[in-house]
Amino acid sequence: MVKMYIMGNYTEKAFQGFLKDPTSDRKAVVEKLTQAMGGKMHSMDIVRGSYDFIVVNEVPSFDDFAAIKLVVESTGAVKNLTALEAIDFTKATTKAAKISYKAPGQ
């Protein structure tokens, strides 16, 4: 499983939908979508800043996130769906310690 931090923005179409039905439970919809891909949603929050929401979930692979992105963005209600994938930093640094790299001009 891959832990993902997914951020995105709602479009004008989504905001119109929220005004029409202010009690729409988007968390339940996102949880169902995540489960359909074999994953688990940990949280979803509406946030202030460059993005409108952040979702923390686990999905089997990045390809599963890509499928979710295609489905969600194709509705026109969400844009800028961006994912940050959590990594095992110790595993990465252990591998990095075994290789070398020369910067330009060295």
PDB file of N, CA and C in Angstrom:
ATOM      1  N   MET A   1       0.837  -1.184   0.000  1.00  0.00           N
ATOM      2  CA  MET A   1       0.000   0.000   0.000  1.00  0.00           C
ATOM      3  C   MET A   1       0.883   1.248   0.000  1.00  0.00           C
ATOM      4  N   VAL A   2       0.405   2.260  -0.674  1.00  0.00           N
ATOM      5  CA  VAL A   2       1.103   3.527  -0.771  1.00  0.00           C
ATOM      6  C   VAL A   2       0.296   4.588  -0.028  1.00  0.00           C
ATOM      7  N   LYS A   3       0.943   5.253   0.920  1.00  0.00           N
ATOM      8  CA  LYS A   3       0.259   6.338   1.641  1.00  0.00           C
ATOM      9  C   LYS A   3       0.375   7.602   0.796  1.00  0.00           C
ATOM     10  N   MET A   4      -0.773   8.249   0.560  1.00  0.00           N
ATOM     11  CA  MET A   4      -0.822   9.432  -0.292  1.00  0.00           C
ATOM     12  C   MET A   4      -1.443  10.605   0.455  1.00  0.00           C
ATOM     13  N   TYR A   5      -0.900  11.773   0.215  1.00  0.00           N
ATOM     14  CA  TYR A   5      -1.484  13.033   0.662  1.00  0.00           C
ATOM     15  C   TYR A   5      -1.981  13.711  -0.610  1.00  0.00           C
ATOM     16  N   ILE A   6      -3.296  13.782  -0.771  1.00  0.00           N
ATOM     17  CA  ILE A   6      -3.893  14.264  -2.015  1.00  0.00           C
ATOM     18  C   ILE A   6      -4.548  15.617  -1.762  1.00  0.00           C
ATOM     19  N   MET A   7      -4.167  16.583  -2.579  1.00  0.00           N
ATOM     20  CA  MET A   7      -4.711  17.934  -2.456  1.00  0.00           C
ATOM     21  C   MET A   7      -5.382  18.308  -3.760  1.00  0.00           C
ATOM     22  N   GLY A   8      -6.369  19.187  -3.692  1.00  0.00           N
ATOM     23  CA  GLY A   8      -7.037  19.623  -4.907  1.00  0.00           C
ATOM     24  C   GLY A   8      -7.874  20.857  -4.677  1.00  0.00           C
ATOM     25  N   ASN A   9      -8.427  21.333  -5.768  1.00  0.00           N
ATOM     26  CA  ASN A   9      -9.283  22.515  -5.741  1.00  0.00           C
ATOM     27  C   ASN A   9     -10.641  22.177  -6.323  1.00  0.00           C
ATOM     28  N   TYR A  10     -11.663  22.725  -5.700  1.00  0.00           N
ATOM     29  CA  TYR A  10     -13.006  22.630  -6.256  1.00  0.00           C
ATOM     30  C   TYR A  10     -13.162  23.676  -7.350  1.00  0.00           C
ATOM     31  N   THR A  11     -13.992  23.386  -8.328  1.00  0.00           N
ATOM     32  CA  THR A  11     -14.282  24.325  -9.406  1.00  0.00           C
ATOM     33  C   THR A  11     -15.578  25.062  -9.098  1.00  0.00           C
ATOM     34  N   GLU A  12     -15.904  26.010  -9.963  1.00  0.00           N
ATOM     35  CA  GLU A  12     -17.156  26.747  -9.829  1.00  0.00           C
ATOM     36  C   GLU A  12     -18.341  25.784  -9.844  1.00  0.00           C
ATOM     37  N   LYS A  13     -18.225  24.739 -10.676  1.00  0.00           N
ATOM     38  CA  LYS A  13     -19.292  23.726 -10.758  1.00  0.00           C
ATOM     39  C   LYS A  13     -19.512  23.064  -9.396  1.00  0.00           C
ATOM     40  N   ALA A  14     -18.448  22.753  -8.714  1.00  0.00           N
ATOM     41  CA  ALA A  14     -18.568  22.130  -7.384  1.00  0.00           C
ATOM     42  C   ALA A  14     -19.184  23.093  -6.386  1.00  0.00           C
ATOM     43  N   PHE A  15     -18.729  24.337  -6.408  1.00  0.00           N
ATOM     44  CA  PHE A  15     -19.272  25.314  -5.461  1.00  0.00           C
ATOM     45  C   PHE A  15     -20.771  25.529  -5.689  1.00  0.00           C
ATOM     46  N   GLN A  16     -21.207  25.503  -6.938  1.00  0.00           N
ATOM     47  CA  GLN A  16     -22.640  25.607  -7.229  1.00  0.00           C
ATOM     48  C   GLN A  16     -23.382  24.416  -6.628  1.00  0.00           C
ATOM     49  N   GLY A  17     -22.779  23.235  -6.720  1.00  0.00           N
ATOM     50  CA  GLY A  17     -23.375  22.046  -6.125  1.00  0.00           C
ATOM     51  C   GLY A  17     -23.461  22.137  -4.611  1.00  0.00           C
ATOM     52  N   PHE A  18     -22.419  22.682  -3.975  1.00  0.00           N
ATOM     53  CA  PHE A  18     -22.435  22.858  -2.524  1.00  0.00           C
ATOM     54  C   PHE A  18     -23.524  23.832  -2.093  1.00  0.00           C
ATOM     55  N   LEU A  19     -23.725  24.890  -2.876  1.00  0.00           N
ATOM     56  CA  LEU A  19     -24.772  25.854  -2.531  1.00  0.00           C
ATOM     57  C   LEU A  19     -26.156  25.241  -2.694  1.00  0.00           C
ATOM     58  N   LYS A  20     -26.288  24.354  -3.677  1.00  0.00           N
ATOM     59  CA  LYS A  20     -27.569  23.677  -3.900  1.00  0.00           C
ATOM     60  C   LYS A  20     -27.841  22.657  -2.788  1.00  0.00           C
ATOM     61  N   ASP A  21     -26.792  21.967  -2.341  1.00  0.00           N
ATOM     62  CA  ASP A  21     -26.913  20.951  -1.289  1.00  0.00           C
ATOM     63  C   ASP A  21     -25.756  21.117  -0.307  1.00  0.00           C
ATOM     64  N   PRO A  22     -25.877  22.056   0.643  1.00  0.00           N
ATOM     65  CA  PRO A  22     -24.788  22.350   1.576  1.00  0.00           C
ATOM     66  C   PRO A  22     -24.403  21.189   2.487  1.00  0.00           C
ATOM     67  N   THR A  23     -25.242  20.193   2.623  1.00  0.00           N
ATOM     68  CA  THR A  23     -24.941  19.080   3.528  1.00  0.00           C
ATOM     69  C   THR A  23     -24.361  17.867   2.796  1.00  0.00           C
ATOM     70  N   SER A  24     -23.999  18.040   1.545  1.00  0.00           N
ATOM     71  CA  SER A  24     -23.409  16.939   0.773  1.00  0.00           C
ATOM     72  C   SER A  24     -22.168  16.405   1.496  1.00  0.00           C
ATOM     73  N   ASP A  25     -22.147  15.111   1.770  1.00  0.00           N
ATOM     74  CA  ASP A  25     -21.058  14.478   2.517  1.00  0.00           C
ATOM     75  C   ASP A  25     -19.980  13.996   1.557  1.00  0.00           C
ATOM     76  N   ARG A  26     -19.037  14.867   1.251  1.00  0.00           N
ATOM     77  CA  ARG A  26     -17.972  14.521   0.309  1.00  0.00           C
ATOM     78  C   ARG A  26     -17.007  13.500   0.895  1.00  0.00           C
ATOM     79  N   LYS A  27     -16.833  13.501   2.208  1.00  0.00           N
ATOM     80  CA  LYS A  27     -15.946  12.515   2.825  1.00  0.00           C
ATOM     81  C   LYS A  27     -16.422  11.095   2.525  1.00  0.00           C
ATOM     82  N   ALA A  28     -17.726  10.872   2.619  1.00  0.00           N
ATOM     83  CA  ALA A  28     -18.274   9.539   2.353  1.00  0.00           C
ATOM     84  C   ALA A  28     -18.042   9.143   0.901  1.00  0.00           C
ATOM     85  N   VAL A  29     -18.172  10.101  -0.002  1.00  0.00           N
ATOM     86  CA  VAL A  29     -17.963   9.825  -1.433  1.00  0.00           C
ATOM     87  C   VAL A  29     -16.502   9.474  -1.697  1.00  0.00           C
ATOM     88  N   VAL A  30     -15.584  10.246  -1.109  1.00  0.00           N
ATOM     89  CA  VAL A  30     -14.153   9.995  -1.298  1.00  0.00           C
ATOM     90  C   VAL A  30     -13.756   8.664  -0.658  1.00  0.00           C
ATOM     91  N   GLU A  31     -14.314   8.363   0.507  1.00  0.00           N
ATOM     92  CA  GLU A  31     -14.015   7.085   1.157  1.00  0.00           C
ATOM     93  C   GLU A  31     -14.480   5.914   0.294  1.00  0.00           C
ATOM     94  N   LYS A  32     -15.664   6.020  -0.278  1.00  0.00           N
ATOM     95  CA  LYS A  32     -16.190   4.957  -1.148  1.00  0.00           C
ATOM     96  C   LYS A  32     -15.315   4.794  -2.391  1.00  0.00           C
ATOM     97  N   LEU A  33     -14.877   5.895  -2.970  1.00  0.00           N
ATOM     98  CA  LEU A  33     -14.005   5.852  -4.146  1.00  0.00           C
ATOM     99  C   LEU A  33     -12.670   5.196  -3.806  1.00  0.00           C
ATOM    100  N   THR A  34     -12.113   5.548  -2.656  1.00  0.00           N
ATOM    101  CA  THR A  34     -10.843   4.959  -2.218  1.00  0.00           C
ATOM    102  C   THR A  34     -11.000   3.455  -1.988  1.00  0.00           C
ATOM    103  N   GLN A  35     -12.080   3.063  -1.358  1.00  0.00           N
ATOM    104  CA  GLN A  35     -12.332   1.634  -1.110  1.00  0.00           C
ATOM    105  C   GLN A  35     -12.522   0.868  -2.415  1.00  0.00           C
ATOM    106  N   ALA A  36     -13.122   1.514  -3.405  1.00  0.00           N
ATOM    107  CA  ALA A  36     -13.334   0.864  -4.703  1.00  0.00           C
ATOM    108  C   ALA A  36     -11.998   0.525  -5.369  1.00  0.00           C
ATOM    109  N   MET A  37     -10.952   1.264  -5.029  1.00  0.00           N
ATOM    110  CA  MET A  37      -9.628   0.990  -5.575  1.00  0.00           C
ATOM    111  C   MET A  37      -8.818   0.082  -4.655  1.00  0.00           C
ATOM    112  N   GLY A  38      -9.463  -0.454  -3.611  1.00  0.00           N
ATOM    113  CA  GLY A  38      -8.777  -1.351  -2.695  1.00  0.00           C
ATOM    114  C   GLY A  38      -7.986  -0.633  -1.625  1.00  0.00           C
ATOM    115  N   GLY A  39      -8.328   0.641  -1.390  1.00  0.00           N
ATOM    116  CA  GLY A  39      -7.577   1.437  -0.430  1.00  0.00           C
ATOM    117  C   GLY A  39      -8.361   1.778   0.822  1.00  0.00           C
ATOM    118  N   LYS A  40      -7.752   2.631   1.639  1.00  0.00           N
ATOM    119  CA  LYS A  40      -8.355   3.057   2.897  1.00  0.00           C
ATOM    120  C   LYS A  40      -8.142   4.561   3.060  1.00  0.00           C
ATOM    121  N   MET A  41      -9.210   5.288   3.364  1.00  0.00           N
ATOM    122  CA  MET A  41      -9.098   6.723   3.617  1.00  0.00           C
ATOM    123  C   MET A  41      -8.898   6.947   5.107  1.00  0.00           C
ATOM    124  N   HIS A  42      -7.902   7.768   5.447  1.00  0.00           N
ATOM    125  CA  HIS A  42      -7.637   8.100   6.845  1.00  0.00           C
ATOM    126  C   HIS A  42      -8.336   9.389   7.254  1.00  0.00           C
ATOM    127  N   SER A  43      -8.311  10.384   6.364  1.00  0.00           N
ATOM    128  CA  SER A  43      -8.948  11.657   6.701  1.00  0.00           C
ATOM    129  C   SER A  43      -9.172  12.493   5.447  1.00  0.00           C
ATOM    130  N   MET A  44     -10.078  13.451   5.583  1.00  0.00           N
ATOM    131  CA  MET A  44     -10.310  14.457   4.547  1.00  0.00           C
ATOM    132  C   MET A  44     -10.683  15.743   5.256  1.00  0.00           C
ATOM    133  N   ASP A  45      -9.986  16.812   4.906  1.00  0.00           N
ATOM    134  CA  ASP A  45     -10.239  18.101   5.533  1.00  0.00           C
ATOM    135  C   ASP A  45     -10.326  19.193   4.472  1.00  0.00           C
ATOM    136  N   ILE A  46     -11.201  20.144   4.708  1.00  0.00           N
ATOM    137  CA  ILE A  46     -11.245  21.364   3.925  1.00  0.00           C
ATOM    138  C   ILE A  46     -10.208  22.288   4.556  1.00  0.00           C
ATOM    139  N   VAL A  47      -9.368  22.914   3.740  1.00  0.00           N
ATOM    140  CA  VAL A  47      -8.259  23.708   4.267  1.00  0.00           C
ATOM    141  C   VAL A  47      -8.211  25.090   3.630  1.00  0.00           C
ATOM    142  N   ARG A  48      -7.521  25.987   4.306  1.00  0.00           N
ATOM    143  CA  ARG A  48      -7.263  27.314   3.746  1.00  0.00           C
ATOM    144  C   ARG A  48      -5.897  27.282   3.073  1.00  0.00           C
ATOM    145  N   GLY A  49      -5.757  28.064   2.014  1.00  0.00           N
ATOM    146  CA  GLY A  49      -4.464  28.129   1.333  1.00  0.00           C
ATOM    147  C   GLY A  49      -4.630  27.879  -0.150  1.00  0.00           C
ATOM    148  N   SER A  50      -3.593  27.360  -0.756  1.00  0.00           N
ATOM    149  CA  SER A  50      -3.579  27.139  -2.205  1.00  0.00           C
ATOM    150  C   SER A  50      -4.527  26.036  -2.649  1.00  0.00           C
ATOM    151  N   TYR A  51      -4.843  25.134  -1.751  1.00  0.00           N
ATOM    152  CA  TYR A  51      -5.751  24.033  -2.065  1.00  0.00           C
ATOM    153  C   TYR A  51      -7.010  24.160  -1.227  1.00  0.00           C
ATOM    154  N   ASP A  52      -8.094  23.549  -1.706  1.00  0.00           N
ATOM    155  CA  ASP A  52      -9.369  23.582  -0.982  1.00  0.00           C
ATOM    156  C   ASP A  52      -9.525  22.404  -0.033  1.00  0.00           C
ATOM    157  N   PHE A  53      -8.869  21.276  -0.337  1.00  0.00           N
ATOM    158  CA  PHE A  53      -9.010  20.089   0.512  1.00  0.00           C
ATOM    159  C   PHE A  53      -7.730  19.270   0.482  1.00  0.00           C
ATOM    160  N   ILE A  54      -7.587  18.424   1.507  1.00  0.00           N
ATOM    161  CA  ILE A  54      -6.504  17.447   1.555  1.00  0.00           C
ATOM    162  C   ILE A  54      -7.080  16.128   2.050  1.00  0.00           C
ATOM    163  N   VAL A  55      -6.695  15.067   1.386  1.00  0.00           N
ATOM    164  CA  VAL A  55      -7.129  13.711   1.733  1.00  0.00           C
ATOM    165  C   VAL A  55      -5.876  12.899   2.056  1.00  0.00           C
ATOM    166  N   VAL A  56      -5.930  12.146   3.128  1.00  0.00           N
ATOM    167  CA  VAL A  56      -4.855  11.215   3.453  1.00  0.00           C
ATOM    168  C   VAL A  56      -5.438   9.819   3.296  1.00  0.00           C
ATOM    169  N   ASN A  57      -4.833   9.057   2.390  1.00  0.00           N
ATOM    170  CA  ASN A  57      -5.327   7.705   2.190  1.00  0.00           C
ATOM    171  C   ASN A  57      -4.197   6.755   1.828  1.00  0.00           C
ATOM    172  N   GLU A  58      -4.537   5.487   1.751  1.00  0.00           N
ATOM    173  CA  GLU A  58      -3.620   4.462   1.276  1.00  0.00           C
ATOM    174  C   GLU A  58      -4.290   3.763   0.115  1.00  0.00           C
ATOM    175  N   VAL A  59      -3.553   3.609  -0.960  1.00  0.00           N
ATOM    176  CA  VAL A  59      -4.031   2.887  -2.136  1.00  0.00           C
ATOM    177  C   VAL A  59      -2.963   1.868  -2.530  1.00  0.00           C
ATOM    178  N   PRO A  60      -3.345   0.838  -3.261  1.00  0.00           N
ATOM    179  CA  PRO A  60      -2.365  -0.183  -3.616  1.00  0.00           C
ATOM    180  C   PRO A  60      -1.167   0.339  -4.418  1.00  0.00           C
ATOM    181  N   SER A  61      -1.382   1.336  -5.293  1.00  0.00           N
ATOM    182  CA  SER A  61      -0.282   1.818  -6.125  1.00  0.00           C
ATOM    183  C   SER A  61      -0.566   3.236  -6.614  1.00  0.00           C
ATOM    184  N   PHE A  62       0.452   3.864  -7.185  1.00  0.00           N
ATOM    185  CA  PHE A  62       0.261   5.191  -7.763  1.00  0.00           C
ATOM    186  C   PHE A  62      -0.725   5.119  -8.923  1.00  0.00           C
ATOM    187  N   ASP A  63      -0.717   4.011  -9.660  1.00  0.00           N
ATOM    188  CA  ASP A  63      -1.671   3.838 -10.763  1.00  0.00           C
ATOM    189  C   ASP A  63      -3.114   3.907 -10.258  1.00  0.00           C
ATOM    190  N   ASP A  64      -3.367   3.406  -9.057  1.00  0.00           N
ATOM    191  CA  ASP A  64      -4.711   3.480  -8.489  1.00  0.00           C
ATOM    192  C   ASP A  64      -5.089   4.931  -8.204  1.00  0.00           C
ATOM    193  N   PHE A  65      -4.130   5.722  -7.705  1.00  0.00           N
ATOM    194  CA  PHE A  65      -4.395   7.148  -7.538  1.00  0.00           C
ATOM    195  C   PHE A  65      -4.674   7.788  -8.896  1.00  0.00           C
ATOM    196  N   ALA A  66      -3.894   7.430  -9.918  1.00  0.00           N
ATOM    197  CA  ALA A  66      -4.091   8.005 -11.250  1.00  0.00           C
ATOM    198  C   ALA A  66      -5.495   7.708 -11.765  1.00  0.00           C
ATOM    199  N   ALA A  67      -5.999   6.518 -11.493  1.00  0.00           N
ATOM    200  CA  ALA A  67      -7.368   6.165 -11.908  1.00  0.00           C
ATOM    201  C   ALA A  67      -8.383   7.046 -11.197  1.00  0.00           C
ATOM    202  N   ILE A  68      -8.186   7.257  -9.898  1.00  0.00           N
ATOM    203  CA  ILE A  68      -9.074   8.139  -9.127  1.00  0.00           C
ATOM    204  C   ILE A  68      -9.025   9.549  -9.708  1.00  0.00           C
ATOM    205  N   LYS A  69      -7.830  10.027 -10.004  1.00  0.00           N
ATOM    206  CA  LYS A  69      -7.657  11.375 -10.574  1.00  0.00           C
ATOM    207  C   LYS A  69      -8.425  11.512 -11.888  1.00  0.00           C
ATOM    208  N   LEU A  70      -8.311  10.524 -12.762  1.00  0.00           N
ATOM    209  CA  LEU A  70      -9.024  10.565 -14.044  1.00  0.00           C
ATOM    210  C   LEU A  70     -10.533  10.645 -13.853  1.00  0.00           C
ATOM    211  N   VAL A  71     -11.041   9.820 -12.970  1.00  0.00           N
ATOM    212  CA  VAL A  71     -12.485   9.782 -12.731  1.00  0.00           C
ATOM    213  C   VAL A  71     -12.982  11.082 -12.115  1.00  0.00           C
ATOM    214  N   VAL A  72     -12.285  11.562 -11.105  1.00  0.00           N
ATOM    215  CA  VAL A  72     -12.734  12.758 -10.377  1.00  0.00           C
ATOM    216  C   VAL A  72     -12.604  14.014 -11.235  1.00  0.00           C
ATOM    217  N   GLU A  73     -11.458  14.218 -11.864  1.00  0.00           N
ATOM    218  CA  GLU A  73     -11.279  15.430 -12.660  1.00  0.00           C
ATOM    219  C   GLU A  73     -12.153  15.446 -13.908  1.00  0.00           C
ATOM    220  N   SER A  74     -12.519  14.274 -14.402  1.00  0.00           N
ATOM    221  CA  SER A  74     -13.374  14.231 -15.601  1.00  0.00           C
ATOM    222  C   SER A  74     -14.782  14.766 -15.336  1.00  0.00           C
ATOM    223  N   THR A  75     -15.178  14.864 -14.068  1.00  0.00           N
ATOM    224  CA  THR A  75     -16.504  15.398 -13.748  1.00  0.00           C
ATOM    225  C   THR A  75     -16.553  16.917 -13.863  1.00  0.00           C
ATOM    226  N   GLY A  76     -15.394  17.565 -13.857  1.00  0.00           N
ATOM    227  CA  GLY A  76     -15.351  19.017 -13.917  1.00  0.00           C
ATOM    228  C   GLY A  76     -15.574  19.688 -12.572  1.00  0.00           C
ATOM    229  N   ALA A  77     -15.697  18.914 -11.499  1.00  0.00           N
ATOM    230  CA  ALA A  77     -15.942  19.483 -10.172  1.00  0.00           C
ATOM    231  C   ALA A  77     -14.657  19.724  -9.384  1.00  0.00           C
ATOM    232  N   VAL A  78     -13.585  19.073  -9.804  1.00  0.00           N
ATOM    233  CA  VAL A  78     -12.310  19.176  -9.106  1.00  0.00           C
ATOM    234  C   VAL A  78     -11.211  19.413 -10.138  1.00  0.00           C
ATOM    235  N   LYS A  79     -10.231  20.233  -9.744  1.00  0.00           N
ATOM    236  CA  LYS A  79      -9.068  20.452 -10.607  1.00  0.00           C
ATOM    237  C   LYS A  79      -7.815  20.464  -9.739  1.00  0.00           C
ATOM    238  N   ASN A  80      -6.667  20.405 -10.378  1.00  0.00           N
ATOM    239  CA  ASN A  80      -5.371  20.447  -9.677  1.00  0.00           C
ATOM    240  C   ASN A  80      -5.211  19.331  -8.648  1.00  0.00           C
ATOM    241  N   LEU A  81      -5.752  18.163  -8.929  1.00  0.00           N
ATOM    242  CA  LEU A  81      -5.600  17.045  -8.001  1.00  0.00           C
ATOM    243  C   LEU A  81      -4.130  16.638  -7.989  1.00  0.00           C
ATOM    244  N   THR A  82      -3.490  16.828  -6.852  1.00  0.00           N
ATOM    245  CA  THR A  82      -2.053  16.614  -6.705  1.00  0.00           C
ATOM    246  C   THR A  82      -1.815  15.617  -5.590  1.00  0.00           C
ATOM    247  N   ALA A  83      -0.871  14.707  -5.793  1.00  0.00           N
ATOM    248  CA  ALA A  83      -0.587  13.701  -4.775  1.00  0.00           C
ATOM    249  C   ALA A  83       0.872  13.746  -4.352  1.00  0.00           C
ATOM    250  N   LEU A  84       1.078  13.653  -3.061  1.00  0.00           N
ATOM    251  CA  LEU A  84       2.411  13.474  -2.496  1.00  0.00           C
ATOM    252  C   LEU A  84       2.443  12.069  -1.913  1.00  0.00           C
ATOM    253  N   GLU A  85       3.418  11.297  -2.332  1.00  0.00           N
ATOM    254  CA  GLU A  85       3.520   9.906  -1.890  1.00  0.00           C
ATOM    255  C   GLU A  85       4.512   9.816  -0.736  1.00  0.00           C
ATOM    256  N   ALA A  86       4.083   9.244   0.379  1.00  0.00           N
ATOM    257  CA  ALA A  86       4.981   9.057   1.519  1.00  0.00           C
ATOM    258  C   ALA A  86       6.034   8.014   1.158  1.00  0.00           C
ATOM    259  N   ILE A  87       7.253   8.240   1.607  1.00  0.00           N
ATOM    260  CA  ILE A  87       8.339   7.298   1.314  1.00  0.00           C
ATOM    261  C   ILE A  87       8.992   6.837   2.611  1.00  0.00           C
ATOM    262  N   ASP A  88       9.705   5.725   2.513  1.00  0.00           N
ATOM    263  CA  ASP A  88      10.517   5.227   3.620  1.00  0.00           C
ATOM    264  C   ASP A  88      11.880   5.891   3.480  1.00  0.00           C
ATOM    265  N   PHE A  89      12.140   6.937   4.270  1.00  0.00           N
ATOM    266  CA  PHE A  89      13.352   7.736   4.122  1.00  0.00           C
ATOM    267  C   PHE A  89      14.605   6.926   4.446  1.00  0.00           C
ATOM    268  N   THR A  90      14.535   6.040   5.416  1.00  0.00           N
ATOM    269  CA  THR A  90      15.696   5.208   5.758  1.00  0.00           C
ATOM    270  C   THR A  90      16.062   4.305   4.586  1.00  0.00           C
ATOM    271  N   LYS A  91      15.075   3.736   3.944  1.00  0.00           N
ATOM    272  CA  LYS A  91      15.324   2.884   2.784  1.00  0.00           C
ATOM    273  C   LYS A  91      15.969   3.701   1.657  1.00  0.00           C
ATOM    274  N   ALA A  92      15.482   4.913   1.432  1.00  0.00           N
ATOM    275  CA  ALA A  92      16.032   5.765   0.381  1.00  0.00           C
ATOM    276  C   ALA A  92      17.467   6.178   0.690  1.00  0.00           C
ATOM    277  N   THR A  93      17.739   6.570   1.936  1.00  0.00           N
ATOM    278  CA  THR A  93      19.103   7.002   2.282  1.00  0.00           C
ATOM    279  C   THR A  93      20.079   5.830   2.276  1.00  0.00           C
ATOM    280  N   THR A  94      19.606   4.638   2.646  1.00  0.00           N
ATOM    281  CA  THR A  94      20.461   3.454   2.597  1.00  0.00           C
ATOM    282  C   THR A  94      20.878   3.162   1.159  1.00  0.00           C
ATOM    283  N   LYS A  95      19.944   3.261   0.233  1.00  0.00           N
ATOM    284  CA  LYS A  95      20.275   3.062  -1.188  1.00  0.00           C
ATOM    285  C   LYS A  95      21.187   4.173  -1.688  1.00  0.00           C
ATOM    286  N   ALA A  96      20.920   5.413  -1.287  1.00  0.00           N
ATOM    287  CA  ALA A  96      21.726   6.552  -1.741  1.00  0.00           C
ATOM    288  C   ALA A  96      23.182   6.434  -1.264  1.00  0.00           C
ATOM    289  N   ALA A  97      23.375   5.885  -0.085  1.00  0.00           N
ATOM    290  CA  ALA A  97      24.736   5.735   0.453  1.00  0.00           C
ATOM    291  C   ALA A  97      25.592   4.786  -0.375  1.00  0.00           C
ATOM    292  N   LYS A  98      24.964   3.966  -1.207  1.00  0.00           N
ATOM    293  CA  LYS A  98      25.686   2.971  -2.018  1.00  0.00           C
ATOM    294  C   LYS A  98      26.053   3.491  -3.411  1.00  0.00           C
ATOM    295  N   ILE A  99      25.618   4.693  -3.762  1.00  0.00           N
ATOM    296  CA  ILE A  99      25.917   5.213  -5.096  1.00  0.00           C
ATOM    297  C   ILE A  99      26.643   6.563  -4.975  1.00  0.00           C
ATOM    298  N   SER A 100      27.245   6.970  -6.066  1.00  0.00           N
ATOM    299  CA  SER A 100      27.924   8.269  -6.050  1.00  0.00           C
ATOM    300  C   SER A 100      27.418   9.124  -7.209  1.00  0.00           C
ATOM    301  N   TYR A 101      27.636  10.414  -7.067  1.00  0.00           N
ATOM    302  CA  TYR A 101      27.188  11.365  -8.080  1.00  0.00           C
ATOM    303  C   TYR A 101      28.134  12.540  -8.082  1.00  0.00           C
ATOM    304  N   LYS A 102      28.488  13.005  -9.264  1.00  0.00           N
ATOM    305  CA  LYS A 102      29.325  14.190  -9.393  1.00  0.00           C
ATOM    306  C   LYS A 102      28.461  15.322  -9.921  1.00  0.00           C
ATOM    307  N   ALA A 103      28.463  16.431  -9.220  1.00  0.00           N
ATOM    308  CA  ALA A 103      27.737  17.618  -9.678  1.00  0.00           C
ATOM    309  C   ALA A 103      28.452  18.214 -10.883  1.00  0.00           C
ATOM    310  N   PRO A 104      27.753  18.966 -11.717  1.00  0.00           N
ATOM    311  CA  PRO A 104      28.421  19.602 -12.864  1.00  0.00           C
ATOM    312  C   PRO A 104      29.643  20.416 -12.418  1.00  0.00           C
ATOM    313  N   GLY A 105      30.719  20.273 -13.137  1.00  0.00           N
ATOM    314  CA  GLY A 105      31.934  21.027 -12.840  1.00  0.00           C
ATOM    315  C   GLY A 105      32.827  20.401 -11.796  1.00  0.00           C
ATOM    316  N   GLN A 106      32.457  19.259 -11.266  1.00  0.00           N
ATOM    317  CA  GLN A 106      33.311  18.605 -10.251  1.00  0.00           C
ATOM    318  C   GLN A 106      34.250  17.617 -10.893  1.00  0.00           C
TER     319      GLN A 106
END
